[in-house]
Amino acid sequence: MAGLYYEQFSVGQEFAHPWTRTVTEMDNTLFSALTMNVQPLHLDAHFAAETEFGQRLVNSVFTLGLMVGMTVNDTTLGTTVGNLGFTEMKFPKPVFHGDTLRARTKVLTMRESRSRPDVGIVEFEHTCWNQRDEMVAICTRQAMMRKRPPERP
């Protein structure tokens, strides 16, 4: 598996994920349509041109999903049981069509599961940055991570 098992993480561990992604108009429009978010700030160029941003904003939930998605290969691919929660989500700068995003992850806390001896809980801080080195998103995520399987004889 590309992902890490619970025992392979350590508090303070950091990952600068190699994946980057340029966000397109299609990404924003399709995501907004699929999630039934008809906010004109995402979909209506004329409306958005009259706002303080002067253009459409990328749906922040798309930004969140992309940020977390860019972290999976280095951290949780095939080794997570599931997400337990997201907290402290913030979007300090807007994302626009054509922005190229990258992500970083830091392990904040770890603890053994109280009810399942085969898993542990890892709390991640994910941050997302654009090509201008502006932070565009940050969140804390709690994930239930598998422990390393026992060695077979």
Protein backbone atom coordinates (compact mmCIF):
# COMPACT_ATOMS: atom_id res chain seq x y z
CA MET A 1 0.00 0.00 0.00
CA ALA A 2 1.13 3.53 -0.69
CA GLY A 3 -0.54 4.79 2.50
CA LEU A 4 1.06 4.50 5.91
CA TYR A 5 -0.13 2.38 8.79
CA TYR A 6 -0.83 3.95 12.17
CA GLU A 7 2.60 2.96 13.55
CA GLN A 8 4.36 4.65 10.64
CA PHE A 9 3.10 8.12 11.62
CA SER A 10 4.61 10.34 14.29
CA VAL A 11 3.41 13.56 15.86
CA GLY A 12 5.02 16.50 14.06
CA GLN A 13 5.67 14.50 10.88
CA GLU A 14 5.22 16.64 7.76
CA PHE A 15 4.52 15.84 4.14
CA ALA A 16 4.99 18.16 1.16
CA HIS A 17 2.83 16.32 -1.36
CA PRO A 18 4.23 16.21 -4.90
CA TRP A 19 0.87 16.44 -6.66
CA THR A 20 -0.32 19.77 -8.02
CA ARG A 21 -3.53 20.59 -9.84
CA THR A 22 -4.67 23.53 -11.92
CA VAL A 23 -8.34 24.24 -11.22
CA THR A 24 -10.45 24.77 -14.33
CA GLU A 25 -13.77 26.43 -15.05
CA MET A 26 -15.16 22.98 -15.82
CA ASP A 27 -14.10 21.67 -12.38
CA ASN A 28 -15.94 24.48 -10.64
CA THR A 29 -19.07 24.39 -12.81
CA LEU A 30 -19.41 20.61 -12.77
CA PHE A 31 -18.80 20.32 -9.03
CA SER A 32 -21.26 23.10 -8.25
CA ALA A 33 -23.88 21.52 -10.53
CA LEU A 34 -23.35 18.00 -9.16
CA THR A 35 -23.74 19.25 -5.58
CA MET A 36 -26.74 21.45 -6.49
CA ASN A 37 -24.93 24.60 -5.32
CA VAL A 38 -26.47 27.28 -7.52
CA GLN A 39 -24.56 30.15 -5.88
CA PRO A 40 -24.07 32.69 -8.73
CA LEU A 41 -20.66 33.60 -7.30
CA HIS A 42 -19.51 30.19 -8.62
CA LEU A 43 -21.55 29.99 -11.82
CA ASP A 44 -22.51 33.43 -13.18
CA ALA A 45 -19.62 35.39 -14.71
CA HIS A 46 -21.66 38.61 -15.00
CA PHE A 47 -22.82 38.42 -11.37
CA ALA A 48 -19.32 37.62 -10.08
CA ALA A 49 -17.78 40.47 -12.11
CA GLU A 50 -19.84 42.90 -10.02
CA THR A 51 -18.46 41.56 -6.71
CA GLU A 52 -15.29 42.60 -4.90
CA PHE A 53 -13.55 39.59 -6.50
CA GLY A 54 -14.33 40.66 -10.07
CA GLN A 55 -14.65 37.04 -11.20
CA ARG A 56 -16.14 33.68 -10.24
CA LEU A 57 -14.81 31.91 -7.15
CA VAL A 58 -14.10 28.21 -7.08
CA ASN A 59 -16.50 26.37 -4.78
CA SER A 60 -14.73 26.04 -1.42
CA VAL A 61 -16.01 22.49 -0.91
CA PHE A 62 -14.26 21.53 -4.17
CA THR A 63 -11.08 23.15 -2.82
CA LEU A 64 -11.42 21.13 0.41
CA GLY A 65 -11.91 17.88 -1.49
CA LEU A 66 -9.01 18.57 -3.82
CA MET A 67 -6.72 19.47 -0.92
CA VAL A 68 -7.50 16.24 0.93
CA GLY A 69 -7.34 14.22 -2.28
CA MET A 70 -3.81 15.44 -3.00
CA THR A 71 -2.70 14.06 0.39
CA VAL A 72 -4.10 10.53 0.07
CA ASN A 73 -1.29 8.86 -1.88
CA ASP A 74 1.36 9.75 0.72
CA THR A 75 -0.71 9.17 3.84
CA THR A 76 -3.88 7.07 3.75
CA LEU A 77 -4.16 5.19 0.43
CA GLY A 78 -5.43 1.74 1.36
CA THR A 79 -4.61 2.11 5.07
CA THR A 80 -7.51 4.20 6.33
CA VAL A 81 -10.75 2.79 7.67
CA GLY A 82 -12.42 6.17 7.20
CA ASN A 83 -12.63 9.80 8.16
CA LEU A 84 -14.08 10.54 11.58
CA GLY A 85 -14.41 14.27 11.15
CA PHE A 86 -13.16 17.56 9.81
CA THR A 87 -12.71 20.57 12.10
CA GLU A 88 -11.37 24.09 11.85
CA MET A 89 -11.96 24.44 8.11
CA LYS A 90 -10.89 27.86 6.86
CA PHE A 91 -10.48 29.42 3.43
CA PRO A 92 -8.25 32.49 3.97
CA LYS A 93 -7.90 33.36 0.25
CA PRO A 94 -10.21 32.66 -2.70
CA VAL A 95 -9.41 30.18 -5.45
CA PHE A 96 -9.99 31.27 -9.05
CA HIS A 97 -10.13 29.39 -12.36
CA GLY A 98 -6.54 28.81 -13.48
CA ASP A 99 -5.01 28.66 -9.99
CA THR A 100 -2.59 25.79 -9.44
CA LEU A 101 -2.84 24.23 -6.00
CA ARG A 102 -0.52 22.11 -3.87
CA ALA A 103 -0.95 20.59 -0.41
CA ARG A 104 1.00 19.95 2.77
CA THR A 105 0.13 17.73 5.73
CA LYS A 106 1.27 17.71 9.34
CA VAL A 107 0.45 15.03 11.92
CA LEU A 108 -0.97 16.84 14.96
CA THR A 109 -1.98 14.05 17.34
CA MET A 110 -2.23 10.29 17.53
CA ARG A 111 -4.01 7.93 19.88
CA GLU A 112 -4.90 4.28 20.08
CA SER A 113 -8.55 3.43 19.51
CA ARG A 114 -10.39 2.72 22.76
CA SER A 115 -12.79 0.27 21.10
CA ARG A 116 -10.79 -1.30 18.27
CA PRO A 117 -7.30 -2.68 18.96
CA ASP A 118 -6.53 -2.93 15.23
CA VAL A 119 -6.73 0.83 14.55
CA GLY A 120 -5.57 4.20 15.81
CA ILE A 121 -6.77 7.76 15.34
CA VAL A 122 -4.49 10.22 13.55
CA GLU A 123 -5.29 13.92 13.46
CA PHE A 124 -3.93 15.65 10.36
CA GLU A 125 -3.63 19.33 9.52
CA HIS A 126 -3.92 19.84 5.78
CA THR A 127 -3.00 23.11 4.12
CA CYS A 128 -3.44 24.13 0.50
CA TRP A 129 -1.41 26.79 -1.31
CA ASN A 130 -1.76 28.46 -4.70
CA GLN A 131 0.95 29.35 -7.21
CA ARG A 132 1.40 32.73 -5.48
CA ASP A 133 2.30 30.95 -2.20
CA GLU A 134 -0.97 32.11 -0.63
CA MET A 135 -2.69 29.69 1.73
CA VAL A 136 -6.16 29.09 0.29
CA ALA A 137 -7.41 26.38 2.66
CA ILE A 138 -6.63 24.74 5.98
CA CYS A 139 -8.42 22.03 7.91
CA THR A 140 -7.95 19.52 10.67
CA ARG A 141 -9.01 15.96 9.87
CA GLN A 142 -9.37 12.97 12.15
CA ALA A 143 -8.85 9.63 10.41
CA MET A 144 -9.16 6.07 11.68
CA MET A 145 -6.01 4.35 10.47
CA ARG A 146 -5.30 0.64 10.26
CA LYS A 147 -2.42 -0.74 12.29
CA ARG A 148 0.22 -2.78 10.51
CA PRO A 149 -1.01 -6.36 9.99
CA PRO A 150 0.81 -9.02 12.02
CA GLU A 151 3.68 -10.78 10.28
CA ARG A 152 2.73 -14.13 8.77
CA PRO A 153 4.91 -17.13 9.66
